[in-house]
């Protein structure tokens, strides 16, 4: 009979047991479950709800069970319904009636809520570490490529010249926000539900703030019904993970484009590419494509949990067991993708000449030419039209703006003088953009300093 089968007169049907059981996936947080139990036992002893020698024995055996599971000396028993019943049954086998006191003043509801919060807190921290690694790499690359010119795009059409440093800086800002979102999620996650009981607390004189402190929480949750039914912290975490994956996917999309024969902006390391089974010339960006593909998988976890929670009345419902597998999968996916992406980016070669040559084509300096006219008293709308005529002329003769003679410039507008060539040079187009957030070296150097300070203060 099950540990909590006192009200029942027969065993659960095997199919029902298998459908109901969660040990196959909640065994993932056995360490958190045991750590929570140790804190609970410590508090029970302090409150004189159990004897001190009983607490000493229980804590010793709980630590032993954790060590044996970690070392693989103790295997999970799939006949047990969940990690909580598995650990408790082992404890009872080893300590007899003393082990039966472990669950005093506690429910599976607040126990699983605690375990999941502890596990999620650890995983949020792990993802933050991986994000920090990526941010440090991006900052390193930004410093290296302050003078690597490339075209900036809108609508995937060449728009204005920028630098690779500036382009990578945009992703730094995205992943920086991701890091801060995880930090915000940790703030709200860091309150302990232990002691909330099934939904209405307990008559035992528990010290919930003490167990919260032992487990590194800011404090105990304020409402016992909310404590056992809250999955907001998981939804918030999955939302943050989804945004991380969206940013990774956007970056991967650009890497895939830059890796094409048409662009040739980058050369991916062989370790992060694959060949074709039939076409020997192929070098495919499979890792970037897989990360892009796995983004939908993480989105699915978020939508799934939102859908599970949307119609549930207070307090705990068994539906909530569905939070674990999809959350674990999302956590593992995000961690794997961040690690692989960072490694792939760190080994990528940027083809500076190809980028710069591409920036010289496509009339990316057209806006600067229009600004030249504006600075010489021509209304912007008129300047826009004049440069449009010059672009048409260039397309007709297969030339760039900087290839035109001064006579050709003056034929469209007499305002042009020989200094137009300096104004529309690639270097000038980039370097004169010095406002905050712009690609000029001065502005980018300021941005790099700010980012360095931000990373140091993490």
Protein backbone atom coordinates (compact mmCIF):
# COMPACT_ATOMS: atom_id res chain seq x y z
CA UNK A 1 0.00 0.00 0.00
CA UNK A 2 1.19 3.52 -0.76
CA UNK A 3 2.65 5.77 1.94
CA UNK A 4 -0.54 7.84 1.85
CA UNK A 5 -2.96 5.03 1.05
CA UNK A 6 -4.68 4.86 4.44
CA UNK A 7 -8.09 5.76 3.06
CA UNK A 8 -7.93 3.12 0.32
CA UNK A 9 -8.77 -0.59 0.52
CA UNK A 10 -6.98 -1.82 -2.59
CA UNK A 11 -3.94 -1.06 -4.68
CA UNK A 12 -4.10 1.40 -7.57
CA UNK A 13 -4.53 -0.10 -11.03
CA UNK A 14 -1.12 -0.44 -12.70
CA UNK A 15 -2.13 1.68 -15.69
CA UNK A 16 -3.46 4.38 -13.35
CA UNK A 17 -0.25 4.21 -11.31
CA UNK A 18 1.90 4.65 -14.39
CA UNK A 19 -0.27 7.50 -15.68
CA UNK A 20 -0.21 9.22 -12.30
CA UNK A 21 3.45 8.61 -11.46
CA UNK A 22 6.11 11.29 -11.86
CA UNK A 23 9.30 9.62 -10.60
CA UNK A 24 10.57 9.17 -14.16
CA UNK A 25 11.01 12.94 -14.43
CA UNK A 26 10.82 14.45 -10.92
CA UNK A 27 13.79 12.30 -9.87
CA UNK A 28 15.71 15.09 -11.62
CA UNK A 29 15.41 17.19 -8.47
CA UNK A 30 16.28 14.56 -5.87
CA UNK A 31 18.97 16.83 -4.42
CA UNK A 32 16.50 19.66 -3.96
CA UNK A 33 13.95 17.30 -2.43
CA UNK A 34 16.47 16.01 0.12
CA UNK A 35 17.79 19.51 0.89
CA UNK A 36 14.23 20.65 1.54
CA UNK A 37 13.65 17.68 3.83
CA UNK A 38 16.84 18.40 5.78
CA UNK A 39 15.73 22.01 6.33
CA UNK A 40 12.28 20.81 7.38
CA UNK A 41 13.70 18.29 9.85
CA UNK A 42 16.09 20.90 11.25
CA UNK A 43 13.17 23.25 11.86
CA UNK A 44 11.02 20.49 13.41
CA UNK A 45 13.80 19.85 15.89
CA UNK A 46 14.28 23.55 16.69
CA UNK A 47 10.54 23.83 17.34
CA UNK A 48 10.67 20.67 19.51
CA UNK A 49 8.12 18.94 17.28
CA UNK A 50 10.55 16.01 17.00
CA UNK A 51 13.44 15.09 19.28
CA UNK A 52 16.95 16.32 18.50
CA UNK A 53 18.41 12.82 18.30
CA UNK A 54 15.68 11.90 15.83
CA UNK A 55 16.59 14.92 13.71
CA UNK A 56 20.27 13.99 13.81
CA UNK A 57 19.46 10.47 12.60
CA UNK A 58 17.13 11.67 9.85
CA UNK A 59 19.57 14.26 8.57
CA UNK A 60 22.42 11.75 8.56
CA UNK A 61 20.40 9.25 6.55
CA UNK A 62 19.05 11.89 4.16
CA UNK A 63 22.60 12.99 3.39
CA UNK A 64 23.58 9.36 2.92
CA UNK A 65 20.70 8.76 0.50
CA UNK A 66 21.70 11.86 -1.48
CA UNK A 67 25.31 10.72 -1.67
CA UNK A 68 24.34 7.20 -2.81
CA UNK A 69 22.02 8.55 -5.49
CA UNK A 70 24.72 10.94 -6.73
CA UNK A 71 27.32 8.18 -6.86
CA UNK A 72 24.92 5.74 -8.53
CA UNK A 73 25.02 3.30 -5.61
CA UNK A 74 21.28 3.70 -5.06
CA UNK A 75 18.92 3.36 -8.01
CA UNK A 76 15.45 4.82 -8.35
CA UNK A 77 12.61 2.39 -7.75
CA UNK A 78 10.09 2.92 -10.55
CA UNK A 79 7.33 1.31 -8.45
CA UNK A 80 7.34 4.46 -6.32
CA UNK A 81 5.02 7.23 -7.45
CA UNK A 82 7.36 10.19 -7.13
CA UNK A 83 10.70 11.34 -5.74
CA UNK A 84 9.13 12.31 -2.42
CA UNK A 85 7.68 8.85 -1.73
CA UNK A 86 10.87 7.19 -2.98
CA UNK A 87 13.13 9.12 -0.58
CA UNK A 88 10.73 8.76 2.33
CA UNK A 89 10.31 5.00 1.81
CA UNK A 90 14.10 4.51 1.78
CA UNK A 91 14.36 6.62 4.93
CA UNK A 92 11.70 4.55 6.69
CA UNK A 93 13.44 1.32 5.66
CA UNK A 94 16.64 2.59 7.25
CA UNK A 95 15.33 4.36 10.36
CA UNK A 96 12.02 2.66 11.10
CA UNK A 97 9.35 4.71 12.85
CA UNK A 98 11.65 7.72 13.09
CA UNK A 99 11.55 8.01 9.31
CA UNK A 100 7.77 8.26 9.45
CA UNK A 101 8.12 11.59 11.27
CA UNK A 102 9.75 13.27 8.27
CA UNK A 103 6.42 14.33 6.80
CA UNK A 104 5.15 15.96 9.99
CA UNK A 105 3.58 19.34 9.21
CA UNK A 106 4.20 18.99 5.50
CA UNK A 107 2.20 18.03 2.40
CA UNK A 108 3.30 16.77 -0.96
CA UNK A 109 1.79 19.97 -2.30
CA UNK A 110 4.16 22.36 -0.53
CA UNK A 111 6.99 19.84 -0.86
CA UNK A 112 6.80 19.67 -4.66
CA UNK A 113 6.32 23.43 -4.85
CA UNK A 114 9.52 23.84 -2.84
CA UNK A 115 11.49 21.33 -4.89
CA UNK A 116 10.49 22.97 -8.15
CA UNK A 117 11.37 26.42 -6.86
CA UNK A 118 14.77 25.27 -5.63
CA UNK A 119 15.48 23.55 -8.94
CA UNK A 120 14.27 26.50 -11.00
CA UNK A 121 16.34 28.91 -8.93
CA UNK A 122 19.47 26.87 -9.61
CA UNK A 123 18.71 26.61 -13.32
CA UNK A 124 18.07 30.34 -13.65
CA UNK A 125 21.49 30.93 -12.14
CA UNK A 126 23.04 28.38 -14.52
CA UNK A 127 21.49 30.11 -17.53
CA UNK A 128 22.76 33.45 -16.24
CA UNK A 129 26.29 32.05 -16.17
CA UNK A 130 25.97 30.93 -19.80
CA UNK A 131 24.54 34.30 -20.80
CA UNK A 132 27.45 36.03 -19.10
CA UNK A 133 29.89 33.87 -21.10
CA UNK A 134 28.15 34.92 -24.32
CA UNK A 135 28.09 38.59 -23.30
CA UNK A 136 31.80 38.54 -22.51
CA UNK A 137 32.52 37.01 -25.93
CA UNK A 138 30.37 39.64 -27.66
CA UNK A 139 32.18 42.42 -25.83
CA UNK A 140 35.55 40.95 -26.88
CA UNK A 141 34.43 40.82 -30.51
CA UNK A 142 33.05 44.35 -30.30
CA UNK A 143 36.48 45.61 -29.23
CA UNK A 144 38.18 43.71 -32.04
CA UNK A 145 35.87 44.96 -34.79
CA UNK A 146 35.52 48.68 -34.16
CA UNK A 147 36.85 49.31 -37.67
CA UNK A 148 35.30 46.34 -39.47
CA UNK A 149 32.89 48.02 -41.87
CA UNK A 150 29.77 46.24 -43.09
CA UNK A 151 26.38 47.14 -44.51
CA UNK A 152 23.52 47.71 -42.13
CA UNK A 153 20.19 46.38 -43.35
CA UNK A 154 16.50 47.18 -43.17
CA UNK A 155 14.02 44.86 -44.90
CA UNK A 156 17.13 42.73 -45.62
CA UNK A 157 18.14 45.47 -48.07
CA UNK A 158 21.40 47.38 -47.70
CA UNK A 159 20.63 50.62 -45.91
CA UNK A 160 23.58 52.43 -44.30
CA UNK A 161 27.14 51.45 -43.43
CA UNK A 162 27.86 50.33 -39.87
CA UNK A 163 30.58 48.29 -38.20
CA UNK A 164 30.57 44.69 -37.08
CA UNK A 165 31.17 46.05 -33.58
CA UNK A 166 27.94 48.02 -33.80
CA UNK A 167 26.03 45.06 -35.21
CA UNK A 168 27.25 42.74 -32.45
CA UNK A 169 26.49 45.48 -29.93
CA UNK A 170 22.80 45.19 -30.81
CA UNK A 171 22.89 41.55 -29.74
CA UNK A 172 24.79 42.49 -26.60
CA UNK A 173 21.83 44.69 -25.65
CA UNK A 174 19.38 41.85 -26.32
CA UNK A 175 21.24 39.32 -24.21
CA UNK A 176 21.85 41.92 -21.53
CA UNK A 177 18.08 42.37 -21.24
CA UNK A 178 17.75 38.58 -21.10
CA UNK A 179 20.16 38.46 -18.17
CA UNK A 180 18.20 41.15 -16.37
CA UNK A 181 14.90 39.35 -17.04
CA UNK A 182 16.32 36.24 -15.37
CA UNK A 183 17.47 38.37 -12.44
CA UNK A 184 13.94 39.75 -12.10
CA UNK A 185 12.49 36.24 -12.28
CA UNK A 186 14.86 35.12 -9.52
CA UNK A 187 13.65 37.94 -7.28
CA UNK A 188 10.04 36.75 -7.46
CA UNK A 189 10.97 33.07 -7.35
CA UNK A 190 12.99 33.39 -4.15
CA UNK A 191 10.27 32.88 -1.51
CA UNK A 192 9.71 29.54 0.19
CA UNK A 193 6.35 27.71 0.03
CA UNK A 194 7.48 25.11 2.60
CA UNK A 195 5.05 24.94 5.53
CA UNK A 196 2.02 25.93 3.49
CA UNK A 197 0.76 22.36 3.84
CA UNK A 198 -1.83 21.08 1.40
CA UNK A 199 -3.37 24.55 1.11
CA UNK A 200 -4.24 25.84 4.59
CA UNK A 201 -1.07 25.65 6.64
CA UNK A 202 -0.86 23.38 9.68
CA UNK A 203 -1.60 23.31 13.39
CA UNK A 204 2.02 22.48 14.18
CA UNK A 205 4.10 25.45 15.39
CA UNK A 206 6.27 25.57 12.29
CA UNK A 207 8.82 28.33 11.81
CA UNK A 208 8.50 28.95 8.08
CA UNK A 209 10.89 31.88 8.07
CA UNK A 210 13.58 29.65 9.59
CA UNK A 211 13.29 26.99 6.88
CA UNK A 212 13.24 29.74 4.26
CA UNK A 213 16.48 31.12 5.66
CA UNK A 214 18.10 27.67 5.78
CA UNK A 215 17.32 27.22 2.09
CA UNK A 216 18.58 30.63 1.03
CA UNK A 217 15.21 32.23 0.35
CA UNK A 218 14.39 35.85 1.14
CA UNK A 219 11.53 34.63 3.29
CA UNK A 220 8.34 32.58 3.34
CA UNK A 221 5.41 33.08 0.97
CA UNK A 222 2.47 35.07 2.34
CA UNK A 223 -0.55 32.94 1.39
CA UNK A 224 -0.69 29.18 1.77
CA UNK A 225 -3.22 28.66 -1.04
CA UNK A 226 -1.11 30.68 -3.46
CA UNK A 227 2.02 28.91 -2.23
CA UNK A 228 0.94 25.50 -3.54
CA UNK A 229 -0.88 26.68 -6.67
CA UNK A 230 1.58 29.31 -7.93
CA UNK A 231 3.34 28.50 -11.17
CA UNK A 232 3.88 32.12 -12.20
CA UNK A 233 7.60 31.79 -11.54
CA UNK A 234 7.78 28.94 -14.07
CA UNK A 235 5.73 30.83 -16.64
CA UNK A 236 7.94 33.86 -16.13
CA UNK A 237 11.07 31.72 -16.46
CA UNK A 238 9.76 30.04 -19.62
CA UNK A 239 8.89 33.44 -21.02
CA UNK A 240 12.46 34.64 -20.35
CA UNK A 241 13.81 31.43 -21.92
CA UNK A 242 11.61 31.95 -24.99
CA UNK A 243 12.94 35.47 -25.48
CA UNK A 244 16.52 34.19 -25.13
CA UNK A 245 15.79 31.60 -27.80
CA UNK A 246 14.20 34.24 -30.03
CA UNK A 247 17.38 36.31 -29.79
CA UNK A 248 19.56 33.27 -30.48
CA UNK A 249 17.35 32.37 -33.43
CA UNK A 250 17.63 35.86 -34.93
CA UNK A 251 21.41 35.75 -34.58
CA UNK A 252 21.51 32.25 -36.08
CA UNK A 253 19.42 33.44 -39.01
CA UNK A 254 22.03 36.12 -39.74
CA UNK A 255 24.86 33.62 -39.37
CA UNK A 256 23.10 31.35 -41.86
CA UNK A 257 22.70 34.25 -44.30
CA UNK A 258 26.25 35.51 -43.78
CA UNK A 259 27.55 31.98 -44.40
CA UNK A 260 25.96 31.74 -47.86
CA UNK A 261 28.03 31.94 -51.04
CA UNK A 262 26.19 35.15 -51.90
CA UNK A 263 27.34 36.95 -48.74
CA UNK A 264 30.54 35.19 -47.63
CA UNK A 265 30.74 37.45 -44.57
CA UNK A 266 31.87 34.60 -42.31
CA UNK A 267 33.57 31.23 -42.34
CA UNK A 268 32.18 28.75 -39.83
CA UNK A 269 34.58 26.39 -38.12
CA UNK A 270 34.40 22.82 -39.42
CA UNK A 271 33.47 21.61 -35.92
CA UNK A 272 30.17 23.53 -36.15
CA UNK A 273 29.28 22.63 -39.73
CA UNK A 274 28.27 19.46 -41.56
CA UNK A 275 28.60 18.18 -45.09
CA UNK A 276 26.09 16.81 -47.54
CA UNK A 277 25.54 13.11 -48.14
CA UNK A 278 25.51 13.69 -51.90
CA UNK A 279 27.07 17.11 -52.63
CA UNK A 280 30.75 17.15 -51.68
CA UNK A 281 31.10 20.94 -51.94
CA UNK A 282 28.54 21.67 -49.22
CA UNK A 283 29.36 23.07 -45.77
CA UNK A 284 26.08 23.47 -43.94
CA UNK A 285 25.44 25.65 -40.85
CA UNK A 286 23.52 22.88 -39.10
CA UNK A 287 24.16 24.06 -35.52
CA UNK A 288 22.76 27.51 -36.30
CA UNK A 289 19.79 25.90 -38.04
CA UNK A 290 19.11 23.53 -35.15
CA UNK A 291 19.20 26.36 -32.60
CA UNK A 292 16.78 28.27 -34.80
CA UNK A 293 14.57 25.18 -34.96
CA UNK A 294 14.65 24.46 -31.22
CA UNK A 295 13.26 27.92 -30.50
CA UNK A 296 9.76 26.65 -31.28
CA UNK A 297 10.25 23.83 -28.82
CA UNK A 298 10.81 26.30 -25.97
CA UNK A 299 7.88 28.43 -27.13
CA UNK A 300 5.77 25.27 -26.95
CA UNK A 301 6.68 24.73 -23.31
CA UNK A 302 5.57 28.26 -22.43
CA UNK A 303 2.26 27.97 -24.29
CA UNK A 304 1.64 24.51 -22.84
CA UNK A 305 2.02 25.67 -19.24
CA UNK A 306 -0.06 28.79 -19.83
CA UNK A 307 -2.79 26.56 -21.27
CA UNK A 308 -2.57 24.14 -18.34
CA UNK A 309 -2.90 26.91 -15.77
CA UNK A 310 -5.56 29.07 -17.38
CA UNK A 311 -8.61 27.22 -16.04
CA UNK A 312 -7.44 25.84 -12.70
CA UNK A 313 -9.35 26.75 -9.54
CA UNK A 314 -7.51 27.18 -6.24
CA UNK A 315 -5.62 25.51 -4.78
CA UNK A 316 -3.53 22.53 -5.96
CA UNK A 317 -4.68 20.37 -8.89
CA UNK A 318 -2.96 17.35 -10.36
CA UNK A 319 -2.80 19.11 -13.73
CA UNK A 320 0.11 21.07 -12.28
CA UNK A 321 2.28 17.96 -12.44
CA UNK A 322 2.50 18.75 -16.17
CA UNK A 323 4.75 21.71 -15.36
CA UNK A 324 7.86 19.60 -14.90
CA UNK A 325 8.71 17.70 -18.07
CA UNK A 326 8.19 20.68 -20.34
CA UNK A 327 10.07 23.03 -18.01
CA UNK A 328 12.99 20.61 -17.65
CA UNK A 329 13.11 20.23 -21.44
CA UNK A 330 13.09 24.01 -21.96
CA UNK A 331 15.85 24.49 -19.38
CA UNK A 332 18.05 21.84 -20.98
CA UNK A 333 17.35 23.20 -24.47
CA UNK A 334 18.23 26.79 -23.57
CA UNK A 335 21.42 25.77 -21.76
CA UNK A 336 22.54 23.56 -24.63
CA UNK A 337 21.80 26.19 -27.25
CA UNK A 338 23.58 28.97 -25.35
CA UNK A 339 26.69 26.82 -24.88
CA UNK A 340 26.80 25.66 -28.49
CA UNK A 341 26.10 29.11 -29.88
CA UNK A 342 28.84 30.72 -27.80
CA UNK A 343 31.34 28.07 -28.87
CA UNK A 344 30.30 28.40 -32.51
CA UNK A 345 30.59 32.20 -32.45
CA UNK A 346 33.99 32.08 -30.73
CA UNK A 347 35.40 29.96 -33.58
CA UNK A 348 33.78 31.91 -36.43
CA UNK A 349 36.05 33.81 -38.82
CA UNK A 350 34.74 37.20 -39.98
CA UNK A 351 35.72 38.06 -43.55
CA UNK A 352 36.44 41.77 -43.14
CA UNK A 353 37.21 42.48 -46.81
CA UNK A 354 33.97 40.87 -47.98
CA UNK A 355 31.98 42.86 -45.42
CA UNK A 356 33.64 46.15 -46.37
CA UNK A 357 33.23 45.55 -50.11
CA UNK A 358 29.57 44.78 -49.54
CA UNK A 359 29.17 48.01 -47.57
CA UNK A 360 30.64 49.94 -50.53
CA UNK A 361 27.95 48.58 -52.82
CA UNK A 362 24.24 49.13 -52.64
CA UNK A 363 24.44 52.94 -52.20
CA UNK A 364 24.69 52.72 -48.42
CA UNK A 365 26.18 56.23 -48.50
CA UNK A 366 23.14 57.76 -50.23
CA UNK A 367 21.74 59.25 -47.01
CA UNK A 368 25.09 60.91 -46.30
CA UNK A 369 25.07 62.41 -49.78
CA UNK A 370 21.59 63.81 -49.10
CA UNK A 371 22.78 65.18 -45.77
CA UNK A 372 25.64 66.91 -47.62
CA UNK A 373 23.10 68.83 -49.68
CA UNK A 374 21.02 69.66 -46.60
CA UNK A 375 24.12 71.05 -44.90
CA UNK A 376 24.54 73.30 -47.95
CA UNK A 377 21.04 74.74 -47.69
CA UNK A 378 19.02 72.32 -49.82
CA UNK A 379 15.67 71.28 -48.22
CA UNK A 380 15.77 67.60 -47.29
CA UNK A 381 12.92 66.58 -49.61
CA UNK A 382 14.70 68.20 -52.55
CA UNK A 383 17.99 66.61 -51.49
CA UNK A 384 16.25 63.21 -51.32
CA UNK A 385 15.06 63.61 -54.90
CA UNK A 386 18.45 64.78 -56.18
CA UNK A 387 20.23 61.74 -54.72
CA UNK A 388 17.50 59.50 -56.11
CA UNK A 389 18.30 60.83 -59.60
CA UNK A 390 22.01 60.17 -59.02
CA UNK A 391 21.27 56.59 -57.90
CA UNK A 392 19.26 56.00 -61.08
CA UNK A 393 22.18 57.38 -63.09
CA UNK A 394 24.62 55.08 -61.25
CA UNK A 395 22.46 52.01 -61.80
CA UNK A 396 22.33 52.81 -65.51
CA UNK A 397 26.12 52.88 -65.82
CA UNK A 398 26.88 50.18 -63.22
CA UNK A 399 28.72 52.54 -60.89
CA UNK A 400 28.69 53.60 -57.24
CA UNK A 401 28.14 57.17 -56.08
CA UNK A 402 31.81 57.60 -55.26
CA UNK A 403 32.71 56.52 -58.82
CA UNK A 404 30.94 59.51 -60.40
CA UNK A 405 32.92 62.50 -61.60
CA UNK A 406 32.34 65.91 -60.07
CA UNK A 407 30.82 66.99 -63.40
CA UNK A 408 28.24 64.20 -63.12
CA UNK A 409 27.38 65.35 -59.59
CA UNK A 410 27.07 68.98 -60.70
CA UNK A 411 24.92 68.03 -63.67
CA UNK A 412 22.21 67.04 -61.18
CA UNK A 413 22.89 69.80 -58.62
CA UNK A 414 25.42 72.66 -58.78
CA UNK A 415 25.69 72.57 -54.98
CA UNK A 416 28.13 69.66 -55.10
CA UNK A 417 31.83 70.42 -54.69
CA UNK A 418 34.92 68.21 -54.49
CA UNK A 419 34.46 67.65 -50.73
CA UNK A 420 31.50 65.36 -51.53
CA UNK A 421 33.95 62.48 -51.98
CA UNK A 422 35.20 62.72 -48.42
CA UNK A 423 31.65 63.00 -47.10
CA UNK A 424 30.48 59.82 -48.82
CA UNK A 425 33.57 57.73 -48.06
CA UNK A 426 32.83 54.63 -46.03
CA UNK A 427 34.99 55.73 -43.13
CA UNK A 428 33.38 59.18 -42.91
CA UNK A 429 29.86 57.76 -43.20
CA UNK A 430 30.50 55.65 -40.12
CA UNK A 431 32.80 57.81 -38.04
CA UNK A 432 30.74 60.99 -38.16
CA UNK A 433 27.86 59.16 -36.48
CA UNK A 434 28.81 59.98 -32.91
CA UNK A 435 25.45 60.28 -31.14
CA UNK A 436 24.82 57.82 -28.31
CA UNK A 437 24.08 54.39 -29.73
CA UNK A 438 25.52 55.14 -33.18
CA UNK A 439 28.24 53.09 -34.96
CA UNK A 440 31.02 55.71 -34.93
CA UNK A 441 34.19 54.74 -33.08
CA UNK A 442 33.66 57.40 -30.41
CA UNK A 443 30.10 56.31 -29.68
CA UNK A 444 31.02 52.64 -29.81
CA UNK A 445 33.95 53.13 -27.44
CA UNK A 446 31.56 54.74 -24.95
CA UNK A 447 29.15 51.83 -25.34
CA UNK A 448 31.93 49.31 -24.77
CA UNK A 449 32.99 51.10 -21.58
CA UNK A 450 29.41 51.06 -20.29
CA UNK A 451 29.09 47.37 -21.09
CA UNK A 452 32.37 46.58 -19.37
CA UNK A 453 31.18 48.34 -16.22
CA UNK A 454 27.87 46.51 -16.37
CA UNK A 455 29.58 43.13 -16.64
CA UNK A 456 31.94 43.93 -13.75
CA UNK A 457 28.97 44.73 -11.51
CA UNK A 458 27.05 41.52 -12.15
